[in-house]
Amino acid sequence: MSEIGEVCEPARAARVSARAGGRASRVAMRAAPLAEHLRPIRPGMPGGRYKPLTEAGMARIHASALDALEQIGLSQAPPSGVEAMTRAGAVLGADGRLRFPRALVEEMLGKAARNITLHGRNPKYDLHLSGTNVHFGTAGAAVHIVDLATNRYRDSTAQDLYDAARITHNLDNVHFFQRAMVCRDVLDNYEMDINTIYACASGTTKHIGTSFSDPSHVDGCMALIYDLAGGEEAWRSRPFISNSNCFVVPPMKFAEESCITMEACIRAGMPMLLLSAGQAGATAPAPIALAIVQAVAECLAGVVYVNSIAPGHPTIFGTWPFVSDLRTGAMSGGSAEQALLTAGCAQMHQFYGLPGGAAAGISDSKLPDMQAGWEQGITNVLAGLSGLNMVYEAVGMHASLLGFCLESLVLGDDILGQVMRCVRGIDVTEDSTSIEAMKAVCLGGPGHYLGSDQTLALMQTEYVYPTLGNRMSPKEWNEAGNPQLLDRAIARKNEILAKAQSQIDPAMDAAIRATHKIYFR
């Protein structure tokens, strides 16, 4: 028996070595970067498989929205907006409300931009908004940072915004960076707008979204943006920043200062996100369908507004209704009702054939815990499957938009990788349904598909692997020292920030810092 054992031991060692070598080669294969066209998931993959609204339901919502515009209208437009929209055919009533005849809305829908591109400073990050192409990114105006060192909330700063932009630049599945938090250390509002733009642009060359706190700030901020672009002409040919504009105050009122800002941004050639953010049960009706009606009506008014000034100006139809917890009136961004609202809005964007955006991925939880995981996963996957072009606030957002977490941003990249794999769906082709691989395994083969040519060929192109998510067995996990997910997220955040450089040329950075007070390093 000992001789047999001595003979068998080298064979066992060889088998173990072969398994280990095979595993090492598979790990190396997964780590090697793939050509863009071979990646299993990519920005802009088409969704649209999930449809909570029927065709009849969409038609009814459209009809009700037109009724609302014709019978209720919107109040409080600035004089410049009233002049532009009445010239186009809107009717100003004695009650001061602008009403929109059906024919006018349909005319302006015919002029509205479709199939637009939101540019990055680097063209490889361009976002092509057509059909049901899906893109995920940040957004919001959180006033706090979630500090996992203390599990407490603190005021967000310009440095936090810059760090979030740098992290986003290094995340494959976060496709754009819209201002995610307020620079609360910058007390002057003009300086805050400058620092917001510059922190975002310094951190990433992906498409950026920003807001302005006052219409008078647009010209000064545009001067900075022209410098970043290499001149006004270069900017207008590839505008890499869009204006997130809350042009309405639901229900059915224009926001005068935001509207004036919108007009200034249109003149400056900046793409526009028309954002209607009513809260169902508070500033929007409680029924989910009627909340969509109001959001659609308000954004259709925005379409009339924009196209009465500049027909075909690149604009995103930003129906962005939120949900109330009707027991308390508090916002509930992570609820199933929020997921349904967002998916229904995506269908209405497609109904009009307009590029659209809405919110998903918001967590009501205060920390990146299990609740945050299910809320972000469910709302993002429904948004992706519905074919929403721009999914805003998809990562990092906690406490119903009051807190942003850098570690949650990193973790969210893993979530969005899995979401985009769901968006891609199942490839059913002649090759993917051929039984030849089954024959090779079952008829005289090894009886399993591990290591088969087909399996190895599909490892990277069909399957998505989490960066931080743990798929170890309990034994492996114990042997590795019981690694915790949040510890890995903190480590990856620190690793990215240690290596991430500014995306601004040093000479330009020095010139900008000489003329503006910049609050981050």
Protein backbone atom coordinates (compact mmCIF):
# COMPACT_ATOMS: atom_id res chain seq x y z
CA MET A 1 0.00 0.00 0.00
CA SER A 2 2.88 2.36 0.78
CA GLU A 3 4.39 1.74 -2.68
CA ILE A 4 1.02 2.47 -4.29
CA GLY A 5 0.80 5.63 -2.17
CA GLU A 6 4.29 6.66 -3.25
CA VAL A 7 3.36 6.14 -6.92
CA CYS A 8 0.04 7.97 -6.58
CA GLU A 9 1.39 10.98 -4.68
CA PRO A 10 3.26 12.55 -7.64
CA ALA A 11 0.15 12.08 -9.79
CA ARG A 12 -2.00 13.78 -7.17
CA ALA A 13 0.53 16.60 -6.90
CA ALA A 14 0.55 17.00 -10.64
CA ARG A 15 -3.25 17.18 -10.72
CA VAL A 16 -3.30 19.76 -7.89
CA SER A 17 -0.61 21.77 -9.67
CA ALA A 18 -2.53 21.61 -12.93
CA ARG A 19 -5.72 22.78 -11.20
CA ALA A 20 -3.87 25.60 -9.49
CA GLY A 21 -2.16 26.59 -12.71
CA GLY A 22 -5.47 26.48 -14.55
CA ARG A 23 -7.10 28.65 -11.91
CA ALA A 24 -4.21 31.10 -12.00
CA SER A 25 -4.45 31.35 -15.76
CA ARG A 26 -8.21 31.92 -15.54
CA VAL A 27 -7.70 34.67 -12.96
CA ALA A 28 -5.08 36.27 -15.22
CA MET A 29 -7.46 35.99 -18.17
CA ARG A 30 -10.21 37.77 -16.24
CA ALA A 31 -7.80 40.51 -15.19
CA ALA A 32 -6.59 41.22 -18.72
CA PRO A 33 -8.44 44.16 -20.33
CA LEU A 34 -10.76 43.31 -23.21
CA ALA A 35 -11.18 45.25 -26.39
CA GLU A 36 -14.22 47.52 -26.08
CA HIS A 37 -16.30 45.58 -28.62
CA LEU A 38 -15.69 42.30 -26.74
CA ARG A 39 -16.67 43.50 -23.27
CA PRO A 40 -19.79 41.78 -21.90
CA ILE A 41 -21.22 45.13 -20.80
CA ARG A 42 -20.71 48.60 -22.22
CA PRO A 43 -22.26 52.07 -21.82
CA GLY A 44 -25.35 52.58 -23.93
CA MET A 45 -26.52 48.98 -24.24
CA PRO A 46 -30.22 48.90 -25.19
CA GLY A 47 -32.80 48.02 -22.55
CA GLY A 48 -36.55 48.30 -22.86
CA ARG A 49 -37.59 44.74 -22.01
CA TYR A 50 -39.49 45.79 -18.90
CA LYS A 51 -42.72 47.70 -19.63
CA PRO A 52 -44.99 48.42 -16.66
CA LEU A 53 -47.25 50.55 -18.89
CA THR A 54 -49.35 49.11 -21.72
CA GLU A 55 -49.67 50.95 -25.04
CA ALA A 56 -53.16 52.02 -23.99
CA GLY A 57 -51.79 53.21 -20.64
CA MET A 58 -49.15 55.40 -22.31
CA ALA A 59 -51.74 56.87 -24.65
CA ARG A 60 -54.00 57.67 -21.68
CA ILE A 61 -51.16 59.34 -19.77
CA HIS A 62 -50.31 61.40 -22.87
CA ALA A 63 -53.93 62.47 -23.28
CA SER A 64 -54.23 63.47 -19.62
CA ALA A 65 -50.97 65.45 -19.82
CA LEU A 66 -52.31 67.37 -22.82
CA ASP A 67 -55.55 68.02 -20.93
CA ALA A 68 -53.55 69.38 -17.99
CA LEU A 69 -51.52 71.70 -20.22
CA GLU A 70 -54.63 72.97 -22.01
CA GLN A 71 -56.93 73.33 -19.00
CA ILE A 72 -54.60 74.02 -16.05
CA GLY A 73 -51.41 75.33 -17.63
CA LEU A 74 -48.41 76.63 -15.71
CA SER A 75 -47.98 79.85 -13.74
CA GLN A 76 -45.06 82.13 -12.89
CA ALA A 77 -43.07 82.07 -16.14
CA PRO A 78 -40.61 84.97 -16.43
CA PRO A 79 -41.55 87.72 -18.92
CA SER A 80 -38.96 86.49 -21.42
CA GLY A 81 -40.48 83.01 -21.30
CA VAL A 82 -44.01 84.34 -21.63
CA GLU A 83 -42.95 86.32 -24.68
CA ALA A 84 -41.26 83.34 -26.36
CA MET A 85 -44.02 80.83 -25.62
CA THR A 86 -46.97 83.11 -26.50
CA ARG A 87 -45.22 84.01 -29.73
CA ALA A 88 -45.12 80.29 -30.48
CA GLY A 89 -48.82 79.84 -29.67
CA ALA A 90 -49.23 79.48 -25.88
CA VAL A 91 -52.13 81.43 -24.37
CA LEU A 92 -51.67 83.70 -21.34
CA GLY A 93 -54.85 83.74 -19.26
CA ALA A 94 -56.24 86.49 -17.08
CA ASP A 95 -55.17 84.37 -14.11
CA GLY A 96 -51.54 84.63 -15.21
CA ARG A 97 -51.27 80.99 -16.24
CA LEU A 98 -49.83 79.95 -19.59
CA ARG A 99 -51.91 77.30 -21.33
CA PHE A 100 -50.72 75.13 -24.18
CA PRO A 101 -53.03 74.06 -27.02
CA ARG A 102 -52.56 70.50 -28.22
CA ALA A 103 -51.47 71.66 -31.66
CA LEU A 104 -48.67 73.74 -30.12
CA VAL A 105 -47.36 70.83 -28.04
CA GLU A 106 -47.39 68.53 -31.06
CA GLU A 107 -45.63 71.15 -33.19
CA MET A 108 -42.85 71.58 -30.63
CA LEU A 109 -42.49 67.82 -30.19
CA GLY A 110 -41.84 67.73 -33.92
CA LYS A 111 -39.02 70.28 -33.52
CA ALA A 112 -37.46 68.69 -30.42
CA ALA A 113 -33.99 67.15 -30.66
CA ARG A 114 -33.72 63.40 -30.88
CA ASN A 115 -30.78 60.99 -30.92
CA ILE A 116 -28.51 63.48 -29.19
CA THR A 117 -24.94 62.95 -27.97
CA LEU A 118 -23.73 64.15 -24.59
CA HIS A 119 -20.01 64.61 -25.08
CA GLY A 120 -17.16 63.84 -22.75
CA ARG A 121 -13.94 65.86 -22.84
CA ASN A 122 -12.51 62.54 -23.96
CA PRO A 123 -14.56 61.29 -26.94
CA LYS A 124 -14.42 57.69 -25.69
CA TYR A 125 -16.87 58.76 -22.98
CA ASP A 126 -19.48 60.20 -25.36
CA LEU A 127 -23.04 59.14 -24.48
CA HIS A 128 -25.34 58.46 -27.41
CA LEU A 129 -28.91 59.03 -26.26
CA SER A 130 -31.14 57.23 -28.71
CA GLY A 131 -33.78 54.54 -28.48
CA THR A 132 -33.46 52.58 -25.26
CA ASN A 133 -29.69 53.02 -24.79
CA VAL A 134 -28.92 52.99 -21.05
CA HIS A 135 -26.33 55.06 -19.15
CA PHE A 136 -25.82 55.26 -15.39
CA GLY A 137 -24.32 58.13 -13.42
CA THR A 138 -24.40 60.34 -10.37
CA ALA A 139 -26.51 63.41 -9.60
CA GLY A 140 -28.16 65.20 -6.72
CA ALA A 141 -27.36 67.91 -4.23
CA ALA A 142 -26.44 66.03 -1.08
CA VAL A 143 -25.48 68.35 1.76
CA HIS A 144 -23.64 65.69 3.74
CA ILE A 145 -20.91 63.11 3.31
CA VAL A 146 -21.35 59.71 4.94
CA ASP A 147 -18.14 59.25 6.92
CA LEU A 148 -17.61 55.55 7.50
CA ALA A 149 -14.73 56.20 9.88
CA THR A 150 -17.27 57.52 12.38
CA ASN A 151 -20.59 56.32 10.89
CA ARG A 152 -21.75 59.92 11.08
CA TYR A 153 -22.74 62.61 8.60
CA ARG A 154 -20.66 65.77 8.05
CA ASP A 155 -20.97 68.73 5.69
CA SER A 156 -19.83 67.98 2.13
CA THR A 157 -16.95 70.02 0.69
CA ALA A 158 -15.38 70.93 -2.65
CA GLN A 159 -12.65 68.37 -1.90
CA ASP A 160 -15.31 65.66 -1.49
CA LEU A 161 -16.81 66.59 -4.86
CA TYR A 162 -13.39 66.45 -6.53
CA ASP A 163 -12.69 63.08 -4.90
CA ALA A 164 -16.06 61.72 -6.08
CA ALA A 165 -15.27 62.87 -9.64
CA ARG A 166 -11.83 61.21 -9.53
CA ILE A 167 -13.34 57.96 -8.28
CA THR A 168 -16.04 58.06 -10.96
CA HIS A 169 -13.38 58.54 -13.63
CA ASN A 170 -11.95 55.15 -12.61
CA LEU A 171 -15.25 53.21 -12.50
CA ASP A 172 -16.26 51.38 -15.68
CA ASN A 173 -19.98 51.21 -14.95
CA VAL A 174 -20.56 54.82 -13.87
CA HIS A 175 -20.81 56.51 -17.24
CA PHE A 176 -21.18 60.20 -16.36
CA PHE A 177 -20.66 62.52 -13.41
CA GLN A 178 -23.34 65.02 -12.49
CA ARG A 179 -22.72 67.18 -9.44
CA ALA A 180 -23.57 64.88 -6.55
CA MET A 181 -23.14 67.15 -3.55
CA VAL A 182 -23.05 70.78 -2.48
CA CYS A 183 -19.69 72.41 -1.67
CA ARG A 184 -20.79 73.63 1.75
CA ASP A 185 -17.34 74.97 2.62
CA VAL A 186 -17.73 77.56 -0.18
CA LEU A 187 -19.97 80.27 1.26
CA ASP A 188 -20.07 82.63 -1.72
CA ASN A 189 -22.60 81.25 -4.23
CA TYR A 190 -20.66 82.38 -7.32
CA GLU A 191 -17.47 80.79 -6.00
CA MET A 192 -19.49 77.65 -5.22
CA ASP A 193 -20.69 77.40 -8.84
CA ILE A 194 -17.13 77.90 -10.12
CA ASN A 195 -15.74 75.30 -7.72
CA THR A 196 -18.51 72.84 -8.59
CA ILE A 197 -17.67 72.99 -12.30
CA TYR A 198 -13.94 72.97 -11.75
CA ALA A 199 -13.97 70.10 -9.23
CA CYS A 200 -16.00 67.97 -11.63
CA ALA A 201 -13.84 68.82 -14.66
CA SER A 202 -10.61 68.33 -12.70
CA GLY A 203 -11.72 64.89 -11.61
CA THR A 204 -13.03 63.34 -14.82
CA THR A 205 -13.19 63.69 -18.59
CA LYS A 206 -16.57 61.92 -18.65
CA HIS A 207 -19.68 64.00 -19.35
CA ILE A 208 -20.45 66.39 -16.50
CA GLY A 209 -23.73 67.82 -15.23
CA THR A 210 -23.96 70.96 -13.13
CA SER A 211 -26.42 73.56 -11.81
CA PHE A 212 -26.20 77.31 -11.25
CA SER A 213 -27.34 78.98 -8.05
CA ASP A 214 -28.13 82.28 -9.82
CA PRO A 215 -28.68 83.28 -13.46
CA SER A 216 -26.07 86.03 -13.14
CA HIS A 217 -23.39 83.37 -12.63
CA VAL A 218 -23.77 81.76 -16.03
CA ASP A 219 -21.56 84.15 -17.99
CA GLY A 220 -18.63 83.90 -15.59
CA CYS A 221 -18.93 80.12 -15.38
CA MET A 222 -19.13 79.87 -19.16
CA ALA A 223 -15.87 81.82 -19.45
CA LEU A 224 -14.22 79.14 -17.31
CA ILE A 225 -15.83 76.39 -19.39
CA TYR A 226 -14.64 77.98 -22.65
CA ASP A 227 -11.10 77.97 -21.23
CA LEU A 228 -11.40 74.28 -20.33
CA ALA A 229 -12.67 73.50 -23.83
CA GLY A 230 -9.97 75.48 -25.63
CA GLY A 231 -12.25 78.28 -26.73
CA GLU A 232 -15.91 79.00 -27.36
CA GLU A 233 -15.94 77.44 -30.82
CA ALA A 234 -14.41 74.21 -29.51
CA TRP A 235 -16.99 74.19 -26.70
CA ARG A 236 -19.93 74.64 -29.04
CA SER A 237 -18.73 71.79 -31.26
CA ARG A 238 -18.44 69.38 -28.29
CA PRO A 239 -20.28 70.68 -25.20
CA PHE A 240 -19.16 68.36 -22.39
CA ILE A 241 -21.24 69.87 -19.57
CA SER A 242 -25.04 69.89 -19.35
CA ASN A 243 -27.23 72.05 -17.15
CA SER A 244 -29.46 70.20 -14.71
CA ASN A 245 -32.32 72.67 -14.54
CA CYS A 246 -35.29 72.51 -12.17
CA PHE A 247 -37.31 74.82 -14.42
CA VAL A 248 -40.57 73.95 -12.66
CA VAL A 249 -41.72 73.99 -9.06
CA PRO A 250 -44.38 71.27 -8.91
CA PRO A 251 -47.29 71.35 -9.09
CA MET A 252 -47.48 73.15 -12.44
CA LYS A 253 -45.47 76.32 -11.77
CA PHE A 254 -42.42 77.62 -13.57
CA ALA A 255 -39.36 78.43 -11.42
CA GLU A 256 -38.57 81.96 -12.60
CA GLU A 257 -34.84 82.15 -11.76
CA SER A 258 -34.16 78.64 -13.11
CA CYS A 259 -35.99 79.52 -16.32
CA ILE A 260 -33.80 82.59 -16.80
CA THR A 261 -30.75 80.40 -16.16
CA MET A 262 -32.07 77.94 -18.74
CA GLU A 263 -32.40 80.68 -21.34
CA ALA A 264 -28.80 81.80 -20.68
CA CYS A 265 -27.50 78.23 -20.96
CA ILE A 266 -29.35 77.71 -24.25
CA ARG A 267 -27.69 80.85 -25.64
CA ALA A 268 -24.33 79.50 -24.45
CA GLY A 269 -24.82 76.20 -26.27
CA MET A 270 -25.17 74.03 -23.17
CA PRO A 271 -27.34 70.89 -23.35
CA MET A 272 -30.31 71.01 -20.99
CA LEU A 273 -31.83 68.53 -18.56
CA LEU A 274 -35.45 69.64 -18.10
CA LEU A 275 -36.05 68.41 -14.57
CA SER A 276 -39.50 68.02 -13.03
CA ALA A 277 -39.13 66.60 -9.52
CA GLY A 278 -42.54 66.41 -7.88
CA GLN A 279 -43.02 64.15 -4.88
CA ALA A 280 -46.01 61.83 -5.12
CA GLY A 281 -48.40 62.49 -2.27
CA ALA A 282 -46.92 65.94 -1.59
CA THR A 283 -46.08 68.11 -4.63
CA ALA A 284 -47.38 65.52 -7.10
CA PRO A 285 -50.54 63.39 -7.03
CA ALA A 286 -50.44 60.19 -4.98
CA PRO A 287 -51.49 57.75 -7.76
CA ILE A 288 -48.37 56.55 -9.56
CA ALA A 289 -49.98 57.02 -12.99
CA LEU A 290 -51.14 60.57 -12.19
CA ALA A 291 -47.73 61.49 -10.79
CA ILE A 292 -46.35 60.50 -14.21
CA VAL A 293 -49.07 62.58 -15.90
CA GLN A 294 -48.00 65.70 -13.99
CA ALA A 295 -44.30 65.12 -14.65
CA VAL A 296 -44.95 64.55 -18.35
CA ALA A 297 -47.13 67.68 -18.58
CA GLU A 298 -44.48 69.81 -16.89
CA CYS A 299 -41.70 68.48 -19.12
CA LEU A 300 -43.83 68.94 -22.23
CA ALA A 301 -44.17 72.59 -21.18
CA GLY A 302 -40.38 72.62 -21.01
CA VAL A 303 -40.16 71.21 -24.53
CA VAL A 304 -42.38 74.07 -25.73
CA TYR A 305 -40.26 76.58 -23.80
CA VAL A 306 -36.88 75.39 -25.16
CA ASN A 307 -37.99 74.92 -28.74
CA SER A 308 -39.78 78.27 -28.86
CA ILE A 309 -36.36 79.83 -28.18
CA ALA A 310 -34.00 77.47 -30.04
CA PRO A 311 -35.68 74.73 -32.12
CA GLY A 312 -33.80 71.45 -31.85
CA HIS A 313 -31.62 72.48 -28.90
CA PRO A 314 -30.22 69.30 -27.24
CA THR A 315 -32.52 68.60 -24.32
CA ILE A 316 -33.20 65.67 -22.00
CA PHE A 317 -36.82 65.00 -21.01
CA GLY A 318 -36.29 64.81 -17.27
CA THR A 319 -39.48 63.43 -15.75
CA TRP A 320 -38.11 62.84 -12.28
CA PRO A 321 -40.99 62.24 -9.88
CA PHE A 322 -40.20 60.99 -6.40
CA VAL A 323 -42.24 59.04 -3.85
CA SER A 324 -43.48 59.95 -0.38
CA ASP A 325 -43.82 57.53 2.48
CA LEU A 326 -47.48 58.41 3.01
CA ARG A 327 -47.28 57.55 6.71
CA THR A 328 -44.88 60.43 7.34
CA GLY A 329 -44.65 62.51 4.16
CA ALA A 330 -40.90 61.83 4.00
CA MET A 331 -39.31 61.07 0.65
CA SER A 332 -38.67 57.39 -0.12
CA GLY A 333 -36.16 57.13 -2.96
CA GLY A 334 -35.46 53.43 -2.49
CA SER A 335 -39.05 52.17 -2.64
CA ALA A 336 -40.63 49.82 -5.16
CA GLU A 337 -43.03 52.63 -6.06
CA GLN A 338 -40.01 54.80 -6.99
CA ALA A 339 -38.75 52.01 -9.24
CA LEU A 340 -42.13 51.79 -10.96
CA LEU A 341 -42.36 55.57 -11.38
CA THR A 342 -38.94 55.69 -13.01
CA ALA A 343 -39.66 52.77 -15.32
CA GLY A 344 -43.00 54.27 -16.33
CA CYS A 345 -41.32 57.59 -17.11
CA ALA A 346 -38.78 55.79 -19.28
CA GLN A 347 -41.63 54.37 -21.34
CA MET A 348 -43.10 57.82 -21.80
CA HIS A 349 -39.75 59.10 -23.07
CA GLN A 350 -39.84 56.33 -25.64
CA PHE A 351 -43.49 57.13 -26.44
CA TYR A 352 -42.34 60.58 -27.56
CA GLY A 353 -39.06 59.36 -29.05
CA LEU A 354 -37.17 61.85 -26.86
CA PRO A 355 -33.93 61.34 -24.93
CA GLY A 356 -34.95 60.95 -21.31
CA GLY A 357 -33.61 60.85 -17.79
CA ALA A 358 -34.94 60.00 -14.35
CA ALA A 359 -33.73 58.92 -10.92
CA ALA A 360 -32.90 55.47 -9.58
CA GLY A 361 -30.41 53.96 -7.16
CA ILE A 362 -31.29 56.24 -4.25
CA SER A 363 -31.22 54.62 -0.82
CA ASP A 364 -33.25 55.67 2.18
CA SER A 365 -30.70 53.88 4.37
CA LYS A 366 -28.15 56.06 6.15
CA LEU A 367 -25.21 53.70 5.53
CA PRO A 368 -24.09 51.29 2.78
CA ASP A 369 -25.77 48.28 4.37
CA MET A 370 -28.13 45.53 3.23
CA GLN A 371 -31.06 47.93 2.91
CA ALA A 372 -28.98 50.18 0.66
CA GLY A 373 -28.02 47.17 -1.44
CA TRP A 374 -31.57 46.01 -2.11
CA GLU A 375 -32.85 49.53 -2.73
CA GLN A 376 -30.07 50.40 -5.17
CA GLY A 377 -30.26 47.03 -6.89
CA ILE A 378 -34.03 46.93 -7.41
CA THR A 379 -34.48 50.52 -8.56
CA ASN A 380 -31.46 50.47 -10.87
CA VAL A 381 -32.32 47.16 -12.49
CA LEU A 382 -35.87 48.31 -13.28
CA ALA A 383 -34.52 51.58 -14.68
CA GLY A 384 -32.05 49.70 -16.86
CA LEU A 385 -34.52 47.09 -18.06
CA SER A 386 -36.99 49.85 -18.92
CA GLY A 387 -34.44 51.40 -21.31
CA LEU A 388 -33.98 54.71 -19.51
CA ASN A 389 -31.35 56.71 -21.40
CA MET A 390 -29.90 58.56 -18.40
CA VAL A 391 -30.21 57.02 -14.95
CA TYR A 392 -29.31 59.77 -12.50
CA GLU A 393 -28.40 59.41 -8.80
CA ALA A 394 -27.67 55.73 -9.48
CA VAL A 395 -24.76 55.41 -7.05
CA GLY A 396 -23.57 56.85 -3.77
CA MET A 397 -26.83 58.43 -2.56
CA HIS A 398 -28.14 57.80 0.96
CA ALA A 399 -30.75 59.22 3.35
CA SER A 400 -33.10 60.03 0.46
CA LEU A 401 -30.53 62.31 -1.25
CA LEU A 402 -29.24 64.03 1.90
CA GLY A 403 -25.98 62.07 2.12
CA PHE A 404 -23.35 60.94 -0.38
CA CYS A 405 -20.90 58.13 0.37
CA LEU A 406 -17.63 57.66 -1.53
CA GLU A 407 -17.42 54.00 -0.51
CA SER A 408 -20.99 53.47 -1.71
CA LEU A 409 -19.97 55.00 -5.05
CA VAL A 410 -17.29 52.31 -5.33
CA LEU A 411 -19.69 49.56 -4.28
CA GLY A 412 -22.29 50.87 -6.71
CA ASP A 413 -19.95 50.17 -9.61
CA ASP A 414 -20.32 46.45 -8.80
CA ILE A 415 -24.11 46.78 -8.60
CA LEU A 416 -24.28 48.56 -11.94
CA GLY A 417 -22.09 45.90 -13.53
CA GLN A 418 -24.67 43.29 -12.59
CA VAL A 419 -27.51 45.59 -13.67
CA MET A 420 -25.97 46.16 -17.09
CA ARG A 421 -25.59 42.40 -17.49
CA CYS A 422 -29.33 42.10 -16.94
CA VAL A 423 -29.89 44.91 -19.46
CA ARG A 424 -27.87 43.02 -22.04
CA GLY A 425 -30.15 40.00 -21.71
CA ILE A 426 -29.64 36.52 -23.16
CA ASP A 427 -27.98 36.09 -26.53
CA VAL A 428 -29.91 33.45 -28.44
CA THR A 429 -28.04 32.56 -31.62
CA GLU A 430 -27.24 29.49 -33.66
CA ASP A 431 -23.91 29.16 -31.84
CA SER A 432 -25.31 29.76 -28.35
CA THR A 433 -27.97 27.05 -28.77
CA SER A 434 -25.89 24.47 -30.64
CA ILE A 435 -25.71 21.11 -28.84
CA GLU A 436 -22.22 20.28 -30.16
CA ALA A 437 -20.64 21.31 -26.85
CA MET A 438 -23.12 19.06 -25.03
CA LYS A 439 -22.19 16.14 -27.28
CA ALA A 440 -18.51 16.65 -26.64
CA VAL A 441 -19.01 16.58 -22.87
CA CYS A 442 -21.70 13.93 -22.53
CA LEU A 443 -20.71 11.39 -25.19
CA GLY A 444 -17.34 10.09 -24.06
CA GLY A 445 -16.21 13.43 -22.64
CA PRO A 446 -15.35 14.44 -19.06
CA GLY A 447 -18.97 14.87 -18.00
CA HIS A 448 -18.58 18.54 -17.12
CA TYR A 449 -17.97 21.83 -18.90
CA LEU A 450 -15.17 23.15 -16.69
CA GLY A 451 -12.20 23.98 -18.85
CA SER A 452 -13.97 23.30 -22.14
CA ASP A 453 -13.04 25.52 -25.07
CA GLN A 454 -16.53 27.04 -25.12
CA THR A 455 -16.46 27.80 -21.38
CA LEU A 456 -13.04 29.43 -21.57
CA ALA A 457 -14.01 31.43 -24.66
CA LEU A 458 -17.05 32.89 -22.87
CA MET A 459 -15.40 33.64 -19.51
CA GLN A 460 -14.89 37.30 -20.29
CA THR A 461 -17.36 38.02 -23.05
CA GLU A 462 -20.52 36.49 -21.54
CA TYR A 463 -19.94 36.79 -17.78
CA VAL A 464 -19.43 39.80 -15.50
CA TYR A 465 -17.35 39.50 -12.33
CA PRO A 466 -17.67 41.79 -9.29
CA THR A 467 -14.63 43.77 -8.27
CA LEU A 468 -15.47 43.83 -4.57
CA GLY A 469 -18.30 41.30 -4.21
CA ASN A 470 -17.20 38.15 -2.41
CA ARG A 471 -17.85 34.76 -4.03
CA MET A 472 -15.53 32.70 -1.84
CA SER A 473 -16.65 29.52 -0.17
CA PRO A 474 -16.91 29.74 3.65
CA LYS A 475 -13.64 27.79 3.91
CA GLU A 476 -11.80 30.13 1.54
CA TRP A 477 -13.32 33.13 3.31
CA ASN A 478 -12.11 31.90 6.72
CA GLU A 479 -8.65 31.18 5.33
CA ALA A 480 -8.49 34.69 3.85
CA GLY A 481 -9.15 36.24 7.26
CA ASN A 482 -12.90 36.88 6.90
CA PRO A 483 -12.65 39.95 4.61
CA GLN A 484 -15.52 42.42 5.00
CA LEU A 485 -17.14 44.18 2.06
CA LEU A 486 -16.94 47.70 3.49
CA ASP A 487 -13.25 47.24 4.32
CA ARG A 488 -12.60 46.32 0.69
CA ALA A 489 -14.60 49.32 -0.49
CA ILE A 490 -12.60 51.64 1.75
CA ALA A 491 -9.35 50.12 0.48
CA ARG A 492 -10.35 50.52 -3.16
CA LYS A 493 -11.48 54.10 -2.60
CA ASN A 494 -8.13 54.92 -1.00
CA GLU A 495 -6.23 53.14 -3.77
CA ILE A 496 -8.04 55.11 -6.48
CA LEU A 497 -7.56 58.45 -4.73
CA ALA A 498 -3.87 57.76 -4.12
CA LYS A 499 -3.28 57.28 -7.85
CA ALA A 500 -5.88 59.54 -9.50
CA GLN A 501 -4.44 62.69 -11.05
CA SER A 502 -6.13 65.93 -12.04
CA GLN A 503 -7.53 65.91 -15.57
CA ILE A 504 -6.48 69.54 -16.12
CA ASP A 505 -3.18 70.55 -17.69
CA PRO A 506 -0.89 71.90 -14.91
CA ALA A 507 -0.32 75.23 -16.67
CA MET A 508 -4.07 75.75 -17.12
CA ASP A 509 -4.68 74.69 -13.54
CA ALA A 510 -2.20 77.26 -12.29
CA ALA A 511 -3.82 79.98 -14.41
CA ILE A 512 -7.31 79.12 -13.15
CA ARG A 513 -6.18 79.05 -9.54
CA ALA A 514 -4.55 82.45 -10.04
CA THR A 515 -7.85 84.02 -11.12
CA HIS A 516 -10.35 82.02 -9.03
CA LYS A 517 -10.44 80.92 -5.41
CA ILE A 518 -10.34 77.13 -5.67
CA TYR A 519 -11.19 75.21 -2.51
CA PHE A 520 -9.78 71.76 -3.26
CA ARG A 521 -6.27 70.38 -3.69
